[in-house]
Amino acid sequence: MAGKRLYVGNLPYDANEQEIKAFFSPFEVTEVRIITDRESGRPRGFAFVELANQGDLQNALAERDGQDCGGRSIRVSEAKERTGGGGGGGGGGGGNRGSDRRQRNNRSERDSEYDNAWKQR
């Protein structure tokens, strides 16, 4: 599976599996995975395309990257395997943001009071 998979970005949001397969003809496409939003279920504008053989991969990269599909310039690159990092989205490290903002606002008020007092001298 790895090494024969392409990342296809900047797709029209209404692109379907058949249109993506047609975009990659004459290459033999074995799988198309259109990535959708978890909450709404709508396409996110990119997909992963798996080709039948390694030789098609380089040809598809050279021939399809930057080509027009549905009025959009499509980005095609070799898909990279996920690394352990990411996922889960931004939970850690944000717990103190509100108090930081309050401190900044208090500091700003204190500074302006100081400036006003200085001007009155």
PDB file of N, CA and C in Angstrom:
ATOM      1  N   MET A   1       0.821  -1.182   0.000  1.00  0.00           N
ATOM      2  CA  MET A   1       0.000   0.000   0.000  1.00  0.00           C
ATOM      3  C   MET A   1       0.867   1.247   0.000  1.00  0.00           C
ATOM      4  N   ALA A   2       1.863   1.342   0.881  1.00  0.00           N
ATOM      5  CA  ALA A   2       2.739   2.509   0.897  1.00  0.00           C
ATOM      6  C   ALA A   2       3.570   2.532  -0.379  1.00  0.00           C
ATOM      7  N   GLY A   3       3.828   3.735  -0.872  1.00  0.00           N
ATOM      8  CA  GLY A   3       4.628   3.851  -2.077  1.00  0.00           C
ATOM      9  C   GLY A   3       3.808   3.890  -3.352  1.00  0.00           C
ATOM     10  N   LYS A   4       2.545   3.525  -3.270  1.00  0.00           N
ATOM     11  CA  LYS A   4       1.673   3.578  -4.446  1.00  0.00           C
ATOM     12  C   LYS A   4       0.482   4.489  -4.188  1.00  0.00           C
ATOM     13  N   ARG A   5       0.568   5.266  -3.128  1.00  0.00           N
ATOM     14  CA  ARG A   5      -0.554   6.107  -2.735  1.00  0.00           C
ATOM     15  C   ARG A   5      -0.219   7.570  -2.983  1.00  0.00           C
ATOM     16  N   LEU A   6      -1.197   8.296  -3.523  1.00  0.00           N
ATOM     17  CA  LEU A   6      -1.054   9.709  -3.827  1.00  0.00           C
ATOM     18  C   LEU A   6      -1.974  10.540  -2.948  1.00  0.00           C
ATOM     19  N   TYR A   7      -1.481  11.715  -2.580  1.00  0.00           N
ATOM     20  CA  TYR A   7      -2.313  12.730  -1.953  1.00  0.00           C
ATOM     21  C   TYR A   7      -2.797  13.632  -3.076  1.00  0.00           C
ATOM     22  N   VAL A   8      -4.087  13.894  -3.116  1.00  0.00           N
ATOM     23  CA  VAL A   8      -4.674  14.731  -4.159  1.00  0.00           C
ATOM     24  C   VAL A   8      -5.415  15.872  -3.465  1.00  0.00           C
ATOM     25  N   GLY A   9      -4.883  17.080  -3.593  1.00  0.00           N
ATOM     26  CA  GLY A   9      -5.455  18.222  -2.901  1.00  0.00           C
ATOM     27  C   GLY A   9      -6.044  19.248  -3.828  1.00  0.00           C
ATOM     28  N   ASN A  10      -6.779  20.183  -3.225  1.00  0.00           N
ATOM     29  CA  ASN A  10      -7.459  21.275  -3.927  1.00  0.00           C
ATOM     30  C   ASN A  10      -8.554  20.760  -4.855  1.00  0.00           C
ATOM     31  N   LEU A  11      -9.153  19.650  -4.463  1.00  0.00           N
ATOM     32  CA  LEU A  11     -10.256  19.089  -5.248  1.00  0.00           C
ATOM     33  C   LEU A  11     -11.515  19.943  -5.088  1.00  0.00           C
ATOM     34  N   PRO A  12     -12.349  19.978  -6.117  1.00  0.00           N
ATOM     35  CA  PRO A  12     -13.655  20.609  -5.931  1.00  0.00           C
ATOM     36  C   PRO A  12     -14.413  19.841  -4.847  1.00  0.00           C
ATOM     37  N   TYR A  13     -15.172  20.535  -4.031  1.00  0.00           N
ATOM     38  CA  TYR A  13     -15.871  19.879  -2.927  1.00  0.00           C
ATOM     39  C   TYR A  13     -16.932  18.895  -3.397  1.00  0.00           C
ATOM     40  N   ASP A  14     -17.381  19.048  -4.632  1.00  0.00           N
ATOM     41  CA  ASP A  14     -18.394  18.123  -5.140  1.00  0.00           C
ATOM     42  C   ASP A  14     -17.798  16.968  -5.947  1.00  0.00           C
ATOM     43  N   ALA A  15     -16.469  16.837  -5.973  1.00  0.00           N
ATOM     44  CA  ALA A  15     -15.829  15.742  -6.722  1.00  0.00           C
ATOM     45  C   ALA A  15     -16.215  14.401  -6.102  1.00  0.00           C
ATOM     46  N   ASN A  16     -16.491  13.427  -6.973  1.00  0.00           N
ATOM     47  CA  ASN A  16     -16.829  12.099  -6.474  1.00  0.00           C
ATOM     48  C   ASN A  16     -15.786  11.081  -6.941  1.00  0.00           C
ATOM     49  N   GLU A  17     -15.922   9.854  -6.498  1.00  0.00           N
ATOM     50  CA  GLU A  17     -14.943   8.812  -6.786  1.00  0.00           C
ATOM     51  C   GLU A  17     -14.766   8.583  -8.291  1.00  0.00           C
ATOM     52  N   GLN A  18     -15.851   8.570  -9.036  1.00  0.00           N
ATOM     53  CA  GLN A  18     -15.759   8.337 -10.481  1.00  0.00           C
ATOM     54  C   GLN A  18     -15.000   9.463 -11.183  1.00  0.00           C
ATOM     55  N   GLU A  19     -15.234  10.700 -10.778  1.00  0.00           N
ATOM     56  CA  GLU A  19     -14.532  11.834 -11.390  1.00  0.00           C
ATOM     57  C   GLU A  19     -13.036  11.786 -11.084  1.00  0.00           C
ATOM     58  N   ILE A  20     -12.700  11.388  -9.873  1.00  0.00           N
ATOM     59  CA  ILE A  20     -11.286  11.304  -9.506  1.00  0.00           C
ATOM     60  C   ILE A  20     -10.611  10.177 -10.279  1.00  0.00           C
ATOM     61  N   LYS A  21     -11.286   9.043 -10.425  1.00  0.00           N
ATOM     62  CA  LYS A  21     -10.736   7.937 -11.231  1.00  0.00           C
ATOM     63  C   LYS A  21     -10.540   8.382 -12.674  1.00  0.00           C
ATOM     64  N   ALA A  22     -11.509   9.116 -13.209  1.00  0.00           N
ATOM     65  CA  ALA A  22     -11.406   9.600 -14.587  1.00  0.00           C
ATOM     66  C   ALA A  22     -10.240  10.582 -14.725  1.00  0.00           C
ATOM     67  N   PHE A  23     -10.020  11.423 -13.718  1.00  0.00           N
ATOM     68  CA  PHE A  23      -8.911  12.375 -13.734  1.00  0.00           C
ATOM     69  C   PHE A  23      -7.577  11.635 -13.834  1.00  0.00           C
ATOM     70  N   PHE A  24      -7.485  10.457 -13.226  1.00  0.00           N
ATOM     71  CA  PHE A  24      -6.238   9.693 -13.226  1.00  0.00           C
ATOM     72  C   PHE A  24      -6.169   8.641 -14.330  1.00  0.00           C
ATOM     73  N   SER A  25      -7.131   8.614 -15.261  1.00  0.00           N
ATOM     74  CA  SER A  25      -6.996   7.667 -16.362  1.00  0.00           C
ATOM     75  C   SER A  25      -5.856   8.161 -17.254  1.00  0.00           C
ATOM     76  N   PRO A  26      -5.068   7.323 -17.820  1.00  0.00           N
ATOM     77  CA  PRO A  26      -5.148   5.884 -18.048  1.00  0.00           C
ATOM     78  C   PRO A  26      -4.502   5.032 -16.951  1.00  0.00           C
ATOM     79  N   PHE A  27      -4.164   5.630 -15.804  1.00  0.00           N
ATOM     80  CA  PHE A  27      -3.538   4.851 -14.738  1.00  0.00           C
ATOM     81  C   PHE A  27      -4.581   3.973 -14.052  1.00  0.00           C
ATOM     82  N   GLU A  28      -4.136   2.819 -13.578  1.00  0.00           N
ATOM     83  CA  GLU A  28      -5.051   1.892 -12.925  1.00  0.00           C
ATOM     84  C   GLU A  28      -5.192   2.268 -11.448  1.00  0.00           C
ATOM     85  N   VAL A  29      -6.349   2.812 -11.113  1.00  0.00           N
ATOM     86  CA  VAL A  29      -6.648   3.233  -9.745  1.00  0.00           C
ATOM     87  C   VAL A  29      -7.321   2.073  -9.030  1.00  0.00           C
ATOM     88  N   THR A  30      -6.772   1.690  -7.871  1.00  0.00           N
ATOM     89  CA  THR A  30      -7.365   0.589  -7.115  1.00  0.00           C
ATOM     90  C   THR A  30      -8.255   1.070  -5.978  1.00  0.00           C
ATOM     91  N   GLU A  31      -8.011   2.305  -5.491  1.00  0.00           N
ATOM     92  CA  GLU A  31      -8.821   2.824  -4.390  1.00  0.00           C
ATOM     93  C   GLU A  31      -8.802   4.342  -4.392  1.00  0.00           C
ATOM     94  N   VAL A  32      -9.947   4.930  -4.067  1.00  0.00           N
ATOM     95  CA  VAL A  32     -10.064   6.372  -3.876  1.00  0.00           C
ATOM     96  C   VAL A  32     -10.715   6.586  -2.517  1.00  0.00           C
ATOM     97  N   ARG A  33     -10.055   7.383  -1.664  1.00  0.00           N
ATOM     98  CA  ARG A  33     -10.627   7.728  -0.358  1.00  0.00           C
ATOM     99  C   ARG A  33     -10.776   9.238  -0.295  1.00  0.00           C
ATOM    100  N   ILE A  34     -11.999   9.698  -0.418  1.00  0.00           N
ATOM    101  CA  ILE A  34     -12.289  11.123  -0.301  1.00  0.00           C
ATOM    102  C   ILE A  34     -12.454  11.422   1.187  1.00  0.00           C
ATOM    103  N   ILE A  35     -11.670  12.355   1.683  1.00  0.00           N
ATOM    104  CA  ILE A  35     -11.684  12.669   3.104  1.00  0.00           C
ATOM    105  C   ILE A  35     -12.825  13.640   3.395  1.00  0.00           C
ATOM    106  N   THR A  36     -13.611  13.289   4.413  1.00  0.00           N
ATOM    107  CA  THR A  36     -14.768  14.099   4.775  1.00  0.00           C
ATOM    108  C   THR A  36     -14.626  14.645   6.192  1.00  0.00           C
ATOM    109  N   ASP A  37     -15.354  15.697   6.453  1.00  0.00           N
ATOM    110  CA  ASP A  37     -15.390  16.301   7.776  1.00  0.00           C
ATOM    111  C   ASP A  37     -16.129  15.369   8.731  1.00  0.00           C
ATOM    112  N   ARG A  38     -15.588  15.179   9.920  1.00  0.00           N
ATOM    113  CA  ARG A  38     -16.198  14.257  10.886  1.00  0.00           C
ATOM    114  C   ARG A  38     -17.587  14.682  11.299  1.00  0.00           C
ATOM    115  N   GLU A  39     -17.791  15.970  11.483  1.00  0.00           N
ATOM    116  CA  GLU A  39     -19.071  16.448  11.988  1.00  0.00           C
ATOM    117  C   GLU A  39     -20.124  16.592  10.911  1.00  0.00           C
ATOM    118  N   SER A  40     -19.774  17.216   9.802  1.00  0.00           N
ATOM    119  CA  SER A  40     -20.777  17.492   8.766  1.00  0.00           C
ATOM    120  C   SER A  40     -20.867  16.385   7.721  1.00  0.00           C
ATOM    121  N   GLY A  41     -19.787  15.599   7.567  1.00  0.00           N
ATOM    122  CA  GLY A  41     -19.780  14.560   6.537  1.00  0.00           C
ATOM    123  C   GLY A  41     -19.477  15.086   5.144  1.00  0.00           C
ATOM    124  N   ARG A  42     -19.228  16.385   5.027  1.00  0.00           N
ATOM    125  CA  ARG A  42     -18.933  16.978   3.709  1.00  0.00           C
ATOM    126  C   ARG A  42     -17.465  16.747   3.346  1.00  0.00           C
ATOM    127  N   PRO A  43     -17.193  16.634   2.048  1.00  0.00           N
ATOM    128  CA  PRO A  43     -15.792  16.479   1.603  1.00  0.00           C
ATOM    129  C   PRO A  43     -14.961  17.683   2.022  1.00  0.00           C
ATOM    130  N   ARG A  44     -13.689  17.422   2.352  1.00  0.00           N
ATOM    131  CA  ARG A  44     -12.784  18.479   2.801  1.00  0.00           C
ATOM    132  C   ARG A  44     -11.901  19.014   1.681  1.00  0.00           C
ATOM    133  N   GLY A  45     -12.050  18.500   0.456  1.00  0.00           N
ATOM    134  CA  GLY A  45     -11.291  19.026  -0.675  1.00  0.00           C
ATOM    135  C   GLY A  45     -10.009  18.276  -0.964  1.00  0.00           C
ATOM    136  N   PHE A  46      -9.836  17.104  -0.358  1.00  0.00           N
ATOM    137  CA  PHE A  46      -8.677  16.295  -0.710  1.00  0.00           C
ATOM    138  C   PHE A  46      -9.025  14.819  -0.586  1.00  0.00           C
ATOM    139  N   ALA A  47      -8.178  14.006  -1.228  1.00  0.00           N
ATOM    140  CA  ALA A  47      -8.415  12.560  -1.248  1.00  0.00           C
ATOM    141  C   ALA A  47      -7.079  11.836  -1.330  1.00  0.00           C
ATOM    142  N   PHE A  48      -7.134  10.545  -1.105  1.00  0.00           N
ATOM    143  CA  PHE A  48      -5.981   9.678  -1.306  1.00  0.00           C
ATOM    144  C   PHE A  48      -6.343   8.691  -2.394  1.00  0.00           C
ATOM    145  N   VAL A  49      -5.439   8.533  -3.337  1.00  0.00           N
ATOM    146  CA  VAL A  49      -5.661   7.645  -4.476  1.00  0.00           C
ATOM    147  C   VAL A  49      -4.559   6.605  -4.473  1.00  0.00           C
ATOM    148  N   GLU A  50      -4.968   5.352  -4.529  1.00  0.00           N
ATOM    149  CA  GLU A  50      -3.983   4.268  -4.591  1.00  0.00           C
ATOM    150  C   GLU A  50      -3.947   3.722  -6.014  1.00  0.00           C
ATOM    151  N   LEU A  51      -2.739   3.587  -6.523  1.00  0.00           N
ATOM    152  CA  LEU A  51      -2.536   3.075  -7.879  1.00  0.00           C
ATOM    153  C   LEU A  51      -2.110   1.615  -7.829  1.00  0.00           C
ATOM    154  N   ALA A  52      -2.318   0.913  -8.939  1.00  0.00           N
ATOM    155  CA  ALA A  52      -2.041  -0.521  -8.983  1.00  0.00           C
ATOM    156  C   ALA A  52      -0.548  -0.829  -8.940  1.00  0.00           C
ATOM    157  N   ASN A  53       0.285   0.041  -9.518  1.00  0.00           N
ATOM    158  CA  ASN A  53       1.716  -0.277  -9.512  1.00  0.00           C
ATOM    159  C   ASN A  53       2.572   0.969  -9.310  1.00  0.00           C
ATOM    160  N   GLN A  54       3.780   0.734  -8.866  1.00  0.00           N
ATOM    161  CA  GLN A  54       4.735   1.802  -8.538  1.00  0.00           C
ATOM    162  C   GLN A  54       5.084   2.658  -9.754  1.00  0.00           C
ATOM    163  N   GLY A  55       5.180   2.041 -10.924  1.00  0.00           N
ATOM    164  CA  GLY A  55       5.529   2.783 -12.131  1.00  0.00           C
ATOM    165  C   GLY A  55       4.518   3.864 -12.457  1.00  0.00           C
ATOM    166  N   ASP A  56       3.254   3.584 -12.208  1.00  0.00           N
ATOM    167  CA  ASP A  56       2.211   4.579 -12.458  1.00  0.00           C
ATOM    168  C   ASP A  56       2.336   5.783 -11.534  1.00  0.00           C
ATOM    169  N   LEU A  57       2.875   5.562 -10.350  1.00  0.00           N
ATOM    170  CA  LEU A  57       2.967   6.631  -9.364  1.00  0.00           C
ATOM    171  C   LEU A  57       3.763   7.816  -9.904  1.00  0.00           C
ATOM    172  N   GLN A  58       4.979   7.573 -10.361  1.00  0.00           N
ATOM    173  CA  GLN A  58       5.828   8.660 -10.862  1.00  0.00           C
ATOM    174  C   GLN A  58       5.211   9.325 -12.090  1.00  0.00           C
ATOM    175  N   ASN A  59       4.628   8.537 -12.973  1.00  0.00           N
ATOM    176  CA  ASN A  59       3.981   9.106 -14.157  1.00  0.00           C
ATOM    177  C   ASN A  59       2.779   9.968 -13.782  1.00  0.00           C
ATOM    178  N   ALA A  60       1.978   9.483 -12.838  1.00  0.00           N
ATOM    179  CA  ALA A  60       0.808  10.248 -12.401  1.00  0.00           C
ATOM    180  C   ALA A  60       1.235  11.553 -11.736  1.00  0.00           C
ATOM    181  N   LEU A  61       2.299  11.502 -10.936  1.00  0.00           N
ATOM    182  CA  LEU A  61       2.814  12.725 -10.316  1.00  0.00           C
ATOM    183  C   LEU A  61       3.207  13.744 -11.377  1.00  0.00           C
ATOM    184  N   ALA A  62       3.943  13.295 -12.369  1.00  0.00           N
ATOM    185  CA  ALA A  62       4.443  14.196 -13.402  1.00  0.00           C
ATOM    186  C   ALA A  62       3.323  14.740 -14.287  1.00  0.00           C
ATOM    187  N   GLU A  63       2.357  13.905 -14.586  1.00  0.00           N
ATOM    188  CA  GLU A  63       1.321  14.292 -15.549  1.00  0.00           C
ATOM    189  C   GLU A  63       0.110  14.991 -14.947  1.00  0.00           C
ATOM    190  N   ARG A  64      -0.187  14.737 -13.684  1.00  0.00           N
ATOM    191  CA  ARG A  64      -1.438  15.259 -13.126  1.00  0.00           C
ATOM    192  C   ARG A  64      -1.272  16.441 -12.170  1.00  0.00           C
ATOM    193  N   ASP A  65      -0.101  16.623 -11.571  1.00  0.00           N
ATOM    194  CA  ASP A  65       0.078  17.741 -10.649  1.00  0.00           C
ATOM    195  C   ASP A  65      -0.089  19.061 -11.387  1.00  0.00           C
ATOM    196  N   GLY A  66      -0.943  19.925 -10.857  1.00  0.00           N
ATOM    197  CA  GLY A  66      -1.182  21.236 -11.454  1.00  0.00           C
ATOM    198  C   GLY A  66      -2.238  21.247 -12.551  1.00  0.00           C
ATOM    199  N   GLN A  67      -2.766  20.088 -12.920  1.00  0.00           N
ATOM    200  CA  GLN A  67      -3.784  20.020 -13.969  1.00  0.00           C
ATOM    201  C   GLN A  67      -5.130  20.500 -13.434  1.00  0.00           C
ATOM    202  N   ASP A  68      -5.988  20.920 -14.352  1.00  0.00           N
ATOM    203  CA  ASP A  68      -7.304  21.426 -14.004  1.00  0.00           C
ATOM    204  C   ASP A  68      -8.295  20.282 -13.823  1.00  0.00           C
ATOM    205  N   CYS A  69      -9.074  20.363 -12.756  1.00  0.00           N
ATOM    206  CA  CYS A  69     -10.167  19.418 -12.525  1.00  0.00           C
ATOM    207  C   CYS A  69     -11.308  20.216 -11.906  1.00  0.00           C
ATOM    208  N   GLY A  70     -12.390  20.320 -12.627  1.00  0.00           N
ATOM    209  CA  GLY A  70     -13.533  21.070 -12.119  1.00  0.00           C
ATOM    210  C   GLY A  70     -13.237  22.529 -11.875  1.00  0.00           C
ATOM    211  N   GLY A  71     -12.341  23.100 -12.681  1.00  0.00           N
ATOM    212  CA  GLY A  71     -12.006  24.508 -12.544  1.00  0.00           C
ATOM    213  C   GLY A  71     -10.976  24.821 -11.467  1.00  0.00           C
ATOM    214  N   ARG A  72     -10.346  23.789 -10.919  1.00  0.00           N
ATOM    215  CA  ARG A  72      -9.342  24.002  -9.869  1.00  0.00           C
ATOM    216  C   ARG A  72      -8.034  23.336 -10.257  1.00  0.00           C
ATOM    217  N   SER A  73      -6.939  23.970  -9.871  1.00  0.00           N
ATOM    218  CA  SER A  73      -5.608  23.421 -10.130  1.00  0.00           C
ATOM    219  C   SER A  73      -5.307  22.382  -9.048  1.00  0.00           C
ATOM    220  N   ILE A  74      -5.240  21.128  -9.454  1.00  0.00           N
ATOM    221  CA  ILE A  74      -5.113  20.021  -8.510  1.00  0.00           C
ATOM    222  C   ILE A  74      -3.661  19.822  -8.096  1.00  0.00           C
ATOM    223  N   ARG A  75      -3.449  19.598  -6.812  1.00  0.00           N
ATOM    224  CA  ARG A  75      -2.120  19.297  -6.253  1.00  0.00           C
ATOM    225  C   ARG A  75      -2.017  17.796  -6.058  1.00  0.00           C
ATOM    226  N   VAL A  76      -0.998  17.212  -6.646  1.00  0.00           N
ATOM    227  CA  VAL A  76      -0.776  15.772  -6.520  1.00  0.00           C
ATOM    228  C   VAL A  76       0.634  15.558  -5.997  1.00  0.00           C
ATOM    229  N   SER A  77       0.741  14.780  -4.924  1.00  0.00           N
ATOM    230  CA  SER A  77       2.048  14.437  -4.374  1.00  0.00           C
ATOM    231  C   SER A  77       1.978  13.030  -3.793  1.00  0.00           C
ATOM    232  N   GLU A  78       3.153  12.472  -3.529  1.00  0.00           N
ATOM    233  CA  GLU A  78       3.174  11.146  -2.936  1.00  0.00           C
ATOM    234  C   GLU A  78       2.684  11.260  -1.499  1.00  0.00           C
ATOM    235  N   ALA A  79       1.756  10.393  -1.126  1.00  0.00           N
ATOM    236  CA  ALA A  79       1.211  10.413   0.234  1.00  0.00           C
ATOM    237  C   ALA A  79       2.281   9.952   1.207  1.00  0.00           C
ATOM    238  N   LYS A  80       2.310  10.611   2.350  1.00  0.00           N
ATOM    239  CA  LYS A  80       3.256  10.240   3.399  1.00  0.00           C
ATOM    240  C   LYS A  80       2.501   9.486   4.482  1.00  0.00           C
ATOM    241  N   GLU A  81       3.168   8.504   5.061  1.00  0.00           N
ATOM    242  CA  GLU A  81       2.549   7.753   6.149  1.00  0.00           C
ATOM    243  C   GLU A  81       2.391   8.653   7.355  1.00  0.00           C
ATOM    244  N   ARG A  82       1.326   8.450   8.092  1.00  0.00           N
ATOM    245  CA  ARG A  82       1.106   9.214   9.313  1.00  0.00           C
ATOM    246  C   ARG A  82       2.160   8.872  10.341  1.00  0.00           C
ATOM    247  N   THR A  83       2.573   9.895  11.067  1.00  0.00           N
ATOM    248  CA  THR A  83       3.471   9.652  12.192  1.00  0.00           C
ATOM    249  C   THR A  83       2.646   9.727  13.460  1.00  0.00           C
ATOM    250  N   GLY A  84       3.163   9.219  14.549  1.00  0.00           N
ATOM    251  CA  GLY A  84       2.425   9.116  15.790  1.00  0.00           C
ATOM    252  C   GLY A  84       1.903  10.409  16.365  1.00  0.00           C
ATOM    253  N   GLY A  85       2.476  11.557  16.054  1.00  0.00           N
ATOM    254  CA  GLY A  85       2.122  12.842  16.646  1.00  0.00           C
ATOM    255  C   GLY A  85       0.667  13.197  16.557  1.00  0.00           C
ATOM    256  N   GLY A  86       0.281  14.177  15.934  1.00  0.00           N
ATOM    257  CA  GLY A  86      -1.036  14.717  15.666  1.00  0.00           C
ATOM    258  C   GLY A  86      -2.236  14.040  16.278  1.00  0.00           C
ATOM    259  N   GLY A  87      -3.350  14.211  15.674  1.00  0.00           N
ATOM    260  CA  GLY A  87      -4.595  13.621  16.107  1.00  0.00           C
ATOM    261  C   GLY A  87      -5.088  14.189  17.422  1.00  0.00           C
ATOM    262  N   GLY A  88      -6.347  14.111  17.646  1.00  0.00           N
ATOM    263  CA  GLY A  88      -6.906  14.533  18.909  1.00  0.00           C
ATOM    264  C   GLY A  88      -7.084  16.027  19.054  1.00  0.00           C
ATOM    265  N   GLY A  89      -6.390  16.799  18.326  1.00  0.00           N
ATOM    266  CA  GLY A  89      -6.540  18.241  18.261  1.00  0.00           C
ATOM    267  C   GLY A  89      -6.456  19.006  19.562  1.00  0.00           C
ATOM    268  N   GLY A  90      -5.571  19.817  19.710  1.00  0.00           N
ATOM    269  CA  GLY A  90      -5.289  20.862  20.658  1.00  0.00           C
ATOM    270  C   GLY A  90      -5.836  20.846  22.062  1.00  0.00           C
ATOM    271  N   GLY A  91      -5.831  19.792  22.794  1.00  0.00           N
ATOM    272  CA  GLY A  91      -6.312  19.833  24.161  1.00  0.00           C
ATOM    273  C   GLY A  91      -5.308  20.376  25.145  1.00  0.00           C
ATOM    274  N   GLY A  92      -4.063  20.025  25.021  1.00  0.00           N
ATOM    275  CA  GLY A  92      -3.084  20.377  26.051  1.00  0.00           C
ATOM    276  C   GLY A  92      -2.520  21.777  25.908  1.00  0.00           C
ATOM    277  N   GLY A  93      -2.188  22.348  27.038  1.00  0.00           N
ATOM    278  CA  GLY A  93      -1.446  23.596  27.042  1.00  0.00           C
ATOM    279  C   GLY A  93      -2.270  24.856  26.989  1.00  0.00           C
ATOM    280  N   GLY A  94      -3.570  24.772  26.879  1.00  0.00           N
ATOM    281  CA  GLY A  94      -4.346  25.993  26.739  1.00  0.00           C
ATOM    282  C   GLY A  94      -5.087  26.395  27.990  1.00  0.00           C
ATOM    283  N   GLY A  95      -4.878  25.723  29.099  1.00  0.00           N
ATOM    284  CA  GLY A  95      -5.667  25.944  30.287  1.00  0.00           C
ATOM    285  C   GLY A  95      -5.500  27.291  30.943  1.00  0.00           C
ATOM    286  N   ASN A  96      -4.426  28.015  30.704  1.00  0.00           N
ATOM    287  CA  ASN A  96      -4.171  29.255  31.420  1.00  0.00           C
ATOM    288  C   ASN A  96      -4.357  30.479  30.544  1.00  0.00           C
ATOM    289  N   ARG A  97      -4.898  30.310  29.379  1.00  0.00           N
ATOM    290  CA  ARG A  97      -4.965  31.428  28.435  1.00  0.00           C
ATOM    291  C   ARG A  97      -5.826  32.567  28.929  1.00  0.00           C
ATOM    292  N   GLY A  98      -6.960  32.241  29.560  1.00  0.00           N
ATOM    293  CA  GLY A  98      -7.852  33.299  30.026  1.00  0.00           C
ATOM    294  C   GLY A  98      -7.179  34.185  31.046  1.00  0.00           C
ATOM    295  N   SER A  99      -6.474  33.592  32.002  1.00  0.00           N
ATOM    296  CA  SER A  99      -5.830  34.414  33.027  1.00  0.00           C
ATOM    297  C   SER A  99      -4.697  35.227  32.428  1.00  0.00           C
ATOM    298  N   ASP A 100      -3.990  34.680  31.432  1.00  0.00           N
ATOM    299  CA  ASP A 100      -2.943  35.456  30.762  1.00  0.00           C
ATOM    300  C   ASP A 100      -3.541  36.701  30.112  1.00  0.00           C
ATOM    301  N   ARG A 101      -4.691  36.531  29.504  1.00  0.00           N
ATOM    302  CA  ARG A 101      -5.342  37.641  28.836  1.00  0.00           C
ATOM    303  C   ARG A 101      -5.766  38.685  29.863  1.00  0.00           C
ATOM    304  N   ARG A 102      -6.312  38.216  31.003  1.00  0.00           N
ATOM    305  CA  ARG A 102      -6.711  39.151  32.044  1.00  0.00           C
ATOM    306  C   ARG A 102      -5.500  39.910  32.580  1.00  0.00           C
ATOM    307  N   GLN A 103      -4.387  39.207  32.769  1.00  0.00           N
ATOM    308  CA  GLN A 103      -3.186  39.871  33.254  1.00  0.00           C
ATOM    309  C   GLN A 103      -2.723  40.939  32.287  1.00  0.00           C
ATOM    310  N   ARG A 104      -2.780  40.628  30.989  1.00  0.00           N
ATOM    311  CA  ARG A 104      -2.388  41.618  29.981  1.00  0.00           C
ATOM    312  C   ARG A 104      -3.302  42.832  30.050  1.00  0.00           C
ATOM    313  N   ASN A 105      -4.617  42.588  30.171  1.00  0.00           N
ATOM    314  CA  ASN A 105      -5.563  43.700  30.244  1.00  0.00           C
ATOM    315  C   ASN A 105      -5.316  44.527  31.488  1.00  0.00           C
ATOM    316  N   ASN A 106      -5.083  43.876  32.640  1.00  0.00           N
ATOM    317  CA  ASN A 106      -4.806  44.614  33.877  1.00  0.00           C
ATOM    318  C   ASN A 106      -3.533  45.431  33.729  1.00  0.00           C
ATOM    319  N   ARG A 107      -2.521  44.836  33.131  1.00  0.00           N
ATOM    320  CA  ARG A 107      -1.254  45.534  32.934  1.00  0.00           C
ATOM    321  C   ARG A 107      -1.472  46.743  32.041  1.00  0.00           C
ATOM    322  N   SER A 108      -2.279  46.573  31.021  1.00  0.00           N
ATOM    323  CA  SER A 108      -2.552  47.669  30.107  1.00  0.00           C
ATOM    324  C   SER A 108      -3.267  48.806  30.826  1.00  0.00           C
ATOM    325  N   GLU A 109      -4.256  48.466  31.676  1.00  0.00           N
ATOM    326  CA  GLU A 109      -4.968  49.492  32.432  1.00  0.00           C
ATOM    327  C   GLU A 109      -4.013  50.195  33.393  1.00  0.00           C
ATOM    328  N   ARG A 110      -3.168  49.429  34.064  1.00  0.00           N
ATOM    329  CA  ARG A 110      -2.226  49.988  35.021  1.00  0.00           C
ATOM    330  C   ARG A 110      -1.250  50.919  34.308  1.00  0.00           C
ATOM    331  N   ASP A 111      -0.771  50.494  33.124  1.00  0.00           N
ATOM    332  CA  ASP A 111       0.162  51.328  32.369  1.00  0.00           C
ATOM    333  C   ASP A 111      -0.494  52.635  31.939  1.00  0.00           C
ATOM    334  N   SER A 112      -1.751  52.582  31.505  1.00  0.00           N
ATOM    335  CA  SER A 112      -2.407  53.808  31.067  1.00  0.00           C
ATOM    336  C   SER A 112      -2.662  54.737  32.263  1.00  0.00           C
ATOM    337  N   GLU A 113      -2.958  54.158  33.450  1.00  0.00           N
ATOM    338  CA  GLU A 113      -3.102  54.987  34.648  1.00  0.00           C
ATOM    339  C   GLU A 113      -1.784  55.676  34.966  1.00  0.00           C
ATOM    340  N   TYR A 114      -0.698  54.937  34.847  1.00  0.00           N
ATOM    341  CA  TYR A 114       0.633  55.502  35.101  1.00  0.00           C
ATOM    342  C   TYR A 114       0.929  56.625  34.110  1.00  0.00           C
ATOM    343  N   ASP A 115       0.609  56.382  32.811  1.00  0.00           N
ATOM    344  CA  ASP A 115       0.848  57.417  31.804  1.00  0.00           C
ATOM    345  C   ASP A 115       0.038  58.677  32.111  1.00  0.00           C
ATOM    346  N   ASN A 116      -1.221  58.505  32.513  1.00  0.00           N
ATOM    347  CA  ASN A 116      -2.069  59.666  32.825  1.00  0.00           C
ATOM    348  C   ASN A 116      -1.489  60.435  34.016  1.00  0.00           C
ATOM    349  N   ALA A 117      -1.066  59.704  35.037  1.00  0.00           N
ATOM    350  CA  ALA A 117      -0.479  60.363  36.214  1.00  0.00           C
ATOM    351  C   ALA A 117       0.784  61.107  35.834  1.00  0.00           C
ATOM    352  N   TRP A 118       1.589  60.527  34.975  1.00  0.00           N
ATOM    353  CA  TRP A 118       2.851  61.162  34.547  1.00  0.00           C
ATOM    354  C   TRP A 118       2.571  62.443  33.767  1.00  0.00           C
ATOM    355  N   LYS A 119       1.554  62.417  32.917  1.00  0.00           N
ATOM    356  CA  LYS A 119       1.217  63.590  32.122  1.00  0.00           C
ATOM    357  C   LYS A 119       0.720  64.736  32.996  1.00  0.00           C
ATOM    358  N   GLN A 120       0.072  64.421  34.117  1.00  0.00           N
ATOM    359  CA  GLN A 120      -0.468  65.448  35.002  1.00  0.00           C
ATOM    360  C   GLN A 120       0.608  66.151  35.804  1.00  0.00           C
ATOM    361  N   ARG A 121       1.807  65.595  35.907  1.00  0.00           N
ATOM    362  CA  ARG A 121       2.887  66.189  36.697  1.00  0.00           C
ATOM    363  C   ARG A 121       3.387  67.449  36.128  1.00  0.00           C
TER     364      ARG A 121
END
